[in-house]
N, C-alpha and C. Protein backbone atom coordinates (compact mmCIF):
# COMPACT_ATOMS: atom_id res chain seq x y z
N UNK A 1 7.10 206.19 -64.68
CA UNK A 1 8.45 206.64 -64.87
C UNK A 1 9.26 206.41 -63.60
N UNK A 2 8.64 206.71 -62.48
CA UNK A 2 9.32 206.52 -61.20
C UNK A 2 9.76 205.07 -61.04
N UNK A 3 8.93 204.12 -61.46
CA UNK A 3 9.26 202.70 -61.35
C UNK A 3 10.49 202.34 -62.18
N UNK A 4 10.66 202.96 -63.34
CA UNK A 4 11.85 202.71 -64.15
C UNK A 4 13.11 203.05 -63.37
N UNK A 5 13.06 204.15 -62.63
CA UNK A 5 14.22 204.59 -61.87
C UNK A 5 14.38 203.76 -60.59
N UNK A 6 13.30 203.61 -59.83
CA UNK A 6 13.41 202.97 -58.52
C UNK A 6 13.58 201.46 -58.60
N UNK A 7 13.02 200.82 -59.62
CA UNK A 7 13.07 199.35 -59.68
C UNK A 7 13.93 198.78 -60.80
N UNK A 8 14.25 199.60 -61.80
CA UNK A 8 14.95 199.05 -62.97
C UNK A 8 16.26 199.75 -63.28
N UNK A 9 16.75 200.56 -62.37
CA UNK A 9 18.07 201.16 -62.52
C UNK A 9 18.19 202.26 -63.56
N UNK A 10 17.06 202.78 -64.02
CA UNK A 10 17.12 203.89 -64.97
C UNK A 10 17.59 205.15 -64.23
N UNK A 11 18.00 206.12 -65.00
CA UNK A 11 18.51 207.37 -64.44
C UNK A 11 17.63 208.52 -64.93
N UNK A 12 17.34 209.47 -64.05
CA UNK A 12 16.62 210.68 -64.46
C UNK A 12 17.56 211.52 -65.31
N UNK A 13 17.06 212.04 -66.40
CA UNK A 13 17.84 212.89 -67.30
C UNK A 13 17.10 214.21 -67.46
N UNK A 14 17.85 215.29 -67.32
CA UNK A 14 17.28 216.62 -67.52
C UNK A 14 18.15 217.39 -68.50
N UNK A 15 17.81 218.64 -68.73
CA UNK A 15 18.55 219.45 -69.70
C UNK A 15 20.01 219.63 -69.28
N UNK A 16 20.28 219.63 -67.98
CA UNK A 16 21.65 219.85 -67.50
C UNK A 16 22.53 218.59 -67.59
N UNK A 17 21.96 217.40 -67.41
CA UNK A 17 22.80 216.20 -67.41
C UNK A 17 22.61 215.31 -68.64
N UNK A 18 21.82 215.76 -69.62
CA UNK A 18 21.54 214.93 -70.80
C UNK A 18 22.81 214.58 -71.57
N UNK A 19 23.67 215.55 -71.78
CA UNK A 19 24.90 215.30 -72.53
C UNK A 19 25.82 214.35 -71.77
N UNK A 20 25.93 214.54 -70.46
CA UNK A 20 26.76 213.64 -69.65
C UNK A 20 26.22 212.22 -69.72
N UNK A 21 24.90 212.06 -69.63
CA UNK A 21 24.31 210.72 -69.74
C UNK A 21 24.63 210.12 -71.11
N UNK A 22 24.41 210.89 -72.16
CA UNK A 22 24.64 210.41 -73.52
C UNK A 22 26.09 210.01 -73.76
N UNK A 23 27.02 210.74 -73.15
CA UNK A 23 28.44 210.47 -73.38
C UNK A 23 28.99 209.33 -72.55
N UNK A 24 28.15 208.73 -71.72
CA UNK A 24 28.59 207.56 -70.96
C UNK A 24 28.95 206.43 -71.91
N UNK A 25 29.73 205.52 -71.43
CA UNK A 25 30.19 204.43 -72.30
C UNK A 25 29.07 203.43 -72.59
N UNK A 26 29.16 202.82 -73.74
CA UNK A 26 28.22 201.78 -74.11
C UNK A 26 26.92 202.28 -74.70
N UNK A 27 25.98 201.37 -74.77
CA UNK A 27 24.67 201.64 -75.35
C UNK A 27 23.78 202.32 -74.32
N UNK A 28 23.05 203.35 -74.76
CA UNK A 28 22.16 204.10 -73.88
C UNK A 28 20.87 204.38 -74.63
N UNK A 29 19.78 204.43 -73.88
CA UNK A 29 18.48 204.74 -74.45
C UNK A 29 17.86 205.87 -73.64
N UNK A 30 17.54 206.96 -74.33
CA UNK A 30 16.80 208.05 -73.71
C UNK A 30 15.32 207.83 -73.97
N UNK A 31 14.53 207.82 -72.91
CA UNK A 31 13.09 207.61 -73.03
C UNK A 31 12.37 208.93 -72.88
N UNK A 32 11.66 209.33 -73.94
CA UNK A 32 10.82 210.52 -73.95
C UNK A 32 9.37 210.03 -73.89
N UNK A 33 8.74 210.15 -72.75
CA UNK A 33 7.38 209.64 -72.57
C UNK A 33 6.34 210.59 -73.13
N UNK A 34 6.54 211.88 -72.93
CA UNK A 34 5.53 212.85 -73.31
C UNK A 34 4.42 212.91 -72.28
N UNK A 35 3.52 213.81 -72.49
CA UNK A 35 2.37 213.99 -71.61
C UNK A 35 1.49 212.74 -71.69
N UNK A 36 1.32 212.02 -70.57
CA UNK A 36 0.54 210.78 -70.61
C UNK A 36 -0.94 210.98 -70.96
N UNK A 37 -1.45 212.19 -70.82
CA UNK A 37 -2.83 212.46 -71.22
C UNK A 37 -2.91 212.56 -72.74
N UNK A 38 -1.97 213.28 -73.34
CA UNK A 38 -1.95 213.42 -74.81
C UNK A 38 -1.40 212.19 -75.50
N UNK A 39 -0.44 211.51 -74.86
CA UNK A 39 0.23 210.36 -75.46
C UNK A 39 0.18 209.17 -74.50
N UNK A 40 -1.00 208.55 -74.33
CA UNK A 40 -1.14 207.47 -73.34
C UNK A 40 -0.26 206.26 -73.63
N UNK A 41 0.17 206.08 -74.88
CA UNK A 41 1.03 204.93 -75.18
C UNK A 41 2.41 205.07 -74.52
N UNK A 42 2.75 206.28 -74.07
CA UNK A 42 4.00 206.46 -73.34
C UNK A 42 4.07 205.61 -72.09
N UNK A 43 2.94 205.45 -71.42
CA UNK A 43 2.89 204.60 -70.23
C UNK A 43 3.15 203.15 -70.62
N UNK A 44 2.62 202.72 -71.76
CA UNK A 44 2.87 201.36 -72.25
C UNK A 44 4.35 201.14 -72.54
N UNK A 45 4.98 202.13 -73.17
CA UNK A 45 6.41 202.03 -73.46
C UNK A 45 7.20 201.93 -72.16
N UNK A 46 6.78 202.67 -71.13
CA UNK A 46 7.46 202.61 -69.83
C UNK A 46 7.40 201.21 -69.23
N UNK A 47 6.33 200.49 -69.49
CA UNK A 47 6.20 199.11 -68.99
C UNK A 47 7.05 198.15 -69.81
N UNK A 48 7.09 198.36 -71.12
CA UNK A 48 7.82 197.46 -72.02
C UNK A 48 9.33 197.67 -71.96
N UNK A 49 9.77 198.88 -71.71
CA UNK A 49 11.20 199.21 -71.78
C UNK A 49 12.08 198.33 -70.88
N UNK A 50 11.74 198.11 -69.61
CA UNK A 50 12.60 197.23 -68.81
C UNK A 50 12.57 195.78 -69.30
N UNK A 51 11.47 195.37 -69.91
CA UNK A 51 11.41 194.02 -70.48
C UNK A 51 12.34 193.91 -71.69
N UNK A 52 12.41 194.98 -72.46
CA UNK A 52 13.37 195.00 -73.59
C UNK A 52 14.80 194.96 -73.07
N UNK A 53 15.06 195.72 -72.03
CA UNK A 53 16.39 195.73 -71.44
C UNK A 53 16.77 194.32 -70.98
N UNK A 54 15.83 193.64 -70.38
CA UNK A 54 16.06 192.27 -69.91
C UNK A 54 16.26 191.32 -71.09
N UNK A 55 15.45 191.47 -72.14
CA UNK A 55 15.55 190.60 -73.31
C UNK A 55 16.92 190.72 -73.99
N UNK A 56 17.54 191.90 -73.87
CA UNK A 56 18.85 192.12 -74.46
C UNK A 56 19.95 192.10 -73.40
N UNK A 57 19.68 191.36 -72.32
CA UNK A 57 20.65 191.09 -71.26
C UNK A 57 21.33 192.33 -70.73
N UNK A 58 20.55 193.39 -70.56
CA UNK A 58 21.08 194.60 -69.97
C UNK A 58 22.11 195.33 -70.82
N UNK A 59 22.06 195.17 -72.13
CA UNK A 59 23.06 195.79 -73.00
C UNK A 59 22.99 197.30 -73.04
N UNK A 60 21.87 197.87 -72.59
CA UNK A 60 21.76 199.32 -72.64
C UNK A 60 21.29 199.88 -71.30
N UNK A 61 21.73 201.09 -71.03
CA UNK A 61 21.31 201.85 -69.85
C UNK A 61 20.12 202.71 -70.27
N UNK A 62 19.21 202.92 -69.34
CA UNK A 62 18.01 203.72 -69.63
C UNK A 62 18.10 205.06 -68.93
N UNK A 63 17.81 206.11 -69.68
CA UNK A 63 17.67 207.46 -69.13
C UNK A 63 16.25 207.93 -69.37
N UNK A 64 15.56 208.32 -68.31
CA UNK A 64 14.20 208.80 -68.41
C UNK A 64 14.25 210.33 -68.40
N UNK A 65 13.86 210.94 -69.49
CA UNK A 65 13.92 212.39 -69.59
C UNK A 65 12.76 212.99 -68.79
N UNK A 66 13.11 213.91 -67.89
CA UNK A 66 12.09 214.56 -67.08
C UNK A 66 11.11 215.31 -67.96
N UNK A 67 9.85 215.20 -67.64
CA UNK A 67 8.78 215.79 -68.45
C UNK A 67 9.02 217.27 -68.75
N UNK A 68 9.43 218.04 -67.77
CA UNK A 68 9.63 219.47 -67.96
C UNK A 68 10.82 219.82 -68.85
N UNK A 69 11.71 218.86 -69.07
CA UNK A 69 12.90 219.10 -69.89
C UNK A 69 12.85 218.39 -71.25
N UNK A 70 11.76 217.69 -71.51
CA UNK A 70 11.69 216.90 -72.74
C UNK A 70 11.88 217.74 -74.01
N UNK A 71 11.25 218.89 -74.08
CA UNK A 71 11.39 219.70 -75.30
C UNK A 71 12.83 220.13 -75.54
N UNK A 72 13.51 220.57 -74.51
CA UNK A 72 14.90 221.01 -74.65
C UNK A 72 15.80 219.86 -75.05
N UNK A 73 15.65 218.72 -74.41
CA UNK A 73 16.49 217.56 -74.72
C UNK A 73 16.13 216.99 -76.09
N UNK A 74 14.85 217.01 -76.42
CA UNK A 74 14.39 216.49 -77.71
C UNK A 74 15.02 217.23 -78.89
N UNK A 75 15.19 218.54 -78.76
CA UNK A 75 15.79 219.32 -79.85
C UNK A 75 17.20 218.83 -80.16
N UNK A 76 17.95 218.47 -79.15
CA UNK A 76 19.32 218.01 -79.36
C UNK A 76 19.38 216.74 -80.21
N UNK A 77 18.41 215.85 -80.02
CA UNK A 77 18.44 214.55 -80.69
C UNK A 77 17.42 214.44 -81.81
N UNK A 78 16.73 215.52 -82.12
CA UNK A 78 15.80 215.53 -83.25
C UNK A 78 14.50 214.78 -82.99
N UNK A 79 14.12 214.62 -81.75
CA UNK A 79 12.87 213.91 -81.42
C UNK A 79 11.70 214.83 -81.76
N UNK A 80 10.76 214.28 -82.52
CA UNK A 80 9.59 215.05 -82.92
C UNK A 80 8.28 214.35 -82.59
N UNK A 81 8.37 213.17 -82.00
CA UNK A 81 7.17 212.39 -81.70
C UNK A 81 7.31 211.74 -80.33
N UNK A 82 6.20 211.72 -79.60
CA UNK A 82 6.19 211.10 -78.27
C UNK A 82 5.25 209.93 -78.28
N UNK A 83 5.56 208.86 -77.60
CA UNK A 83 6.83 208.57 -76.93
C UNK A 83 7.91 208.19 -77.94
N UNK A 84 9.15 208.34 -77.51
CA UNK A 84 10.29 207.96 -78.35
C UNK A 84 11.41 207.38 -77.50
N UNK A 85 12.13 206.46 -78.11
CA UNK A 85 13.35 205.91 -77.52
C UNK A 85 14.51 206.31 -78.42
N UNK A 86 15.46 207.06 -77.89
CA UNK A 86 16.62 207.49 -78.65
C UNK A 86 17.80 206.60 -78.25
N UNK A 87 18.36 205.90 -79.22
CA UNK A 87 19.50 205.01 -78.97
C UNK A 87 20.80 205.77 -79.22
N UNK A 88 21.70 205.68 -78.27
CA UNK A 88 23.00 206.34 -78.32
C UNK A 88 24.08 205.31 -78.04
N UNK A 89 25.27 205.58 -78.55
CA UNK A 89 26.41 204.69 -78.25
C UNK A 89 27.65 205.55 -78.06
N UNK A 90 28.24 205.44 -76.87
CA UNK A 90 29.47 206.16 -76.56
C UNK A 90 29.36 207.65 -76.93
N UNK A 91 28.21 208.24 -76.66
CA UNK A 91 28.01 209.66 -76.89
C UNK A 91 27.50 210.04 -78.26
N UNK A 92 27.36 209.08 -79.16
CA UNK A 92 26.92 209.37 -80.52
C UNK A 92 25.51 208.82 -80.76
N UNK A 93 24.78 209.51 -81.60
CA UNK A 93 23.41 209.12 -81.97
C UNK A 93 23.43 207.85 -82.82
N UNK A 94 22.47 206.96 -82.59
CA UNK A 94 22.30 205.77 -83.42
C UNK A 94 20.99 205.84 -84.19
N UNK A 95 19.85 205.85 -83.47
CA UNK A 95 18.54 205.89 -84.12
C UNK A 95 17.47 206.22 -83.10
N UNK A 96 16.27 206.43 -83.58
CA UNK A 96 15.11 206.69 -82.72
C UNK A 96 13.98 205.74 -83.10
N UNK A 97 13.37 205.15 -82.08
CA UNK A 97 12.15 204.37 -82.27
C UNK A 97 11.01 205.18 -81.67
N UNK A 98 10.04 205.52 -82.49
CA UNK A 98 8.94 206.36 -82.03
C UNK A 98 7.65 205.56 -81.92
N UNK A 99 6.84 205.92 -80.93
CA UNK A 99 5.54 205.28 -80.75
C UNK A 99 5.65 203.95 -80.03
N UNK A 100 4.51 203.33 -79.85
CA UNK A 100 4.42 202.01 -79.22
C UNK A 100 4.38 200.97 -80.32
N UNK A 101 5.17 199.91 -80.17
CA UNK A 101 5.24 198.85 -81.17
C UNK A 101 4.79 197.52 -80.56
N UNK A 102 4.46 196.57 -81.41
CA UNK A 102 4.21 195.21 -80.95
C UNK A 102 5.52 194.64 -80.43
N UNK A 103 5.42 193.67 -79.51
CA UNK A 103 6.60 193.09 -78.88
C UNK A 103 7.60 192.56 -79.92
N UNK A 104 7.13 191.80 -80.89
CA UNK A 104 8.05 191.22 -81.89
C UNK A 104 8.71 192.32 -82.72
N UNK A 105 7.97 193.38 -83.01
CA UNK A 105 8.56 194.51 -83.74
C UNK A 105 9.61 195.21 -82.88
N UNK A 106 9.31 195.38 -81.59
CA UNK A 106 10.30 195.98 -80.70
C UNK A 106 11.57 195.14 -80.66
N UNK A 107 11.43 193.84 -80.51
CA UNK A 107 12.62 192.98 -80.45
C UNK A 107 13.47 193.14 -81.71
N UNK A 108 12.83 193.13 -82.86
CA UNK A 108 13.57 193.27 -84.12
C UNK A 108 14.21 194.65 -84.25
N UNK A 109 13.47 195.70 -83.92
CA UNK A 109 13.99 197.06 -84.09
C UNK A 109 15.10 197.37 -83.08
N UNK A 110 14.97 196.87 -81.85
CA UNK A 110 16.03 197.09 -80.86
C UNK A 110 17.27 196.30 -81.26
N UNK A 111 17.10 195.08 -81.73
CA UNK A 111 18.24 194.29 -82.22
C UNK A 111 18.96 195.04 -83.33
N UNK A 112 18.20 195.59 -84.27
CA UNK A 112 18.79 196.37 -85.35
C UNK A 112 19.51 197.60 -84.81
N UNK A 113 18.88 198.30 -83.88
CA UNK A 113 19.48 199.52 -83.31
C UNK A 113 20.81 199.22 -82.63
N UNK A 114 20.87 198.11 -81.93
CA UNK A 114 22.10 197.76 -81.22
C UNK A 114 23.22 197.36 -82.19
N UNK A 115 22.87 197.04 -83.42
CA UNK A 115 23.88 196.65 -84.42
C UNK A 115 24.22 197.79 -85.39
N UNK A 116 23.42 198.85 -85.41
CA UNK A 116 23.63 199.95 -86.36
C UNK A 116 24.88 200.75 -86.02
N UNK A 117 25.49 201.34 -87.05
CA UNK A 117 26.57 202.29 -86.77
C UNK A 117 25.97 203.60 -86.27
N UNK A 118 26.78 204.41 -85.65
CA UNK A 118 26.32 205.73 -85.22
C UNK A 118 26.16 206.62 -86.45
N UNK A 119 25.38 207.69 -86.27
CA UNK A 119 25.15 208.62 -87.37
C UNK A 119 24.86 210.00 -86.80
N UNK A 120 24.57 210.92 -87.67
CA UNK A 120 24.23 212.27 -87.25
C UNK A 120 22.78 212.28 -86.78
N UNK A 121 22.52 212.92 -85.66
CA UNK A 121 21.15 213.05 -85.15
C UNK A 121 20.32 213.88 -86.11
N UNK A 122 19.06 213.53 -86.29
CA UNK A 122 18.21 214.28 -87.22
C UNK A 122 17.66 215.57 -86.62
N UNK A 123 18.53 216.33 -85.99
CA UNK A 123 18.10 217.58 -85.37
C UNK A 123 17.83 218.63 -86.43
N UNK A 124 17.10 219.63 -86.03
CA UNK A 124 16.77 220.72 -86.94
C UNK A 124 18.04 221.51 -87.23
N UNK A 125 18.25 221.83 -88.46
CA UNK A 125 19.44 222.59 -88.82
C UNK A 125 19.32 223.13 -90.23
N UNK A 126 20.27 223.92 -90.59
CA UNK A 126 20.32 224.50 -91.93
C UNK A 126 21.34 223.71 -92.73
N UNK A 127 20.96 223.17 -93.89
CA UNK A 127 21.91 222.41 -94.69
C UNK A 127 23.09 223.27 -95.12
N UNK A 128 24.27 222.70 -95.06
CA UNK A 128 25.47 223.40 -95.47
C UNK A 128 25.71 223.19 -96.96
N UNK A 129 26.16 224.23 -97.62
CA UNK A 129 26.47 224.16 -99.06
C UNK A 129 27.92 224.59 -99.20
N UNK A 130 28.65 223.85 -99.98
CA UNK A 130 30.04 224.17 -100.21
C UNK A 130 30.17 225.53 -100.90
N UNK A 131 31.19 226.27 -100.51
CA UNK A 131 31.44 227.59 -101.12
C UNK A 131 31.79 227.45 -102.59
N UNK A 132 32.30 226.29 -102.97
CA UNK A 132 32.68 226.08 -104.37
C UNK A 132 31.55 225.53 -105.21
N UNK A 133 30.41 225.25 -104.57
CA UNK A 133 29.27 224.70 -105.33
C UNK A 133 28.73 225.76 -106.29
N UNK A 134 28.38 225.31 -107.45
CA UNK A 134 27.85 226.24 -108.47
C UNK A 134 26.48 226.73 -108.05
N UNK A 135 26.25 228.00 -108.25
CA UNK A 135 24.96 228.58 -107.93
C UNK A 135 24.00 228.37 -109.08
N UNK A 136 22.78 228.01 -108.75
CA UNK A 136 21.79 227.79 -109.82
C UNK A 136 20.83 228.96 -109.96
N UNK A 137 21.03 230.01 -109.15
CA UNK A 137 20.07 231.11 -109.23
C UNK A 137 20.58 232.28 -110.06
N UNK A 138 21.85 232.30 -110.52
CA UNK A 138 22.37 233.42 -111.32
C UNK A 138 23.00 232.91 -112.56
């Protein structure tokens, strides 16, 4: 993770600056590595991520979520699996790529992510029901 920041221009993200990072202009990727003992593929994703950034000519900025803040930041973006890459654009959620993928799959999925419209993050919540909706229980 340190190498992503020191050699590849990634930024450390914690619970206090996550929203500011996300609201930056352009495409952004939040990297949730998880515990490398429980999720060893997170280290593989850390190696592949700068190569993906290079393959897409630096179109996205990388934010590495600090291990101690991952759970808090993950709740905001609906991350439920480690490792994960959360794609954001101009402060809005786009999609999440979870786990380690083959290189060709990563290229295709990142290309798709960079072309997708923004959407609502799949965070935990209570579904809203219109007050005028007919009740089916009475």
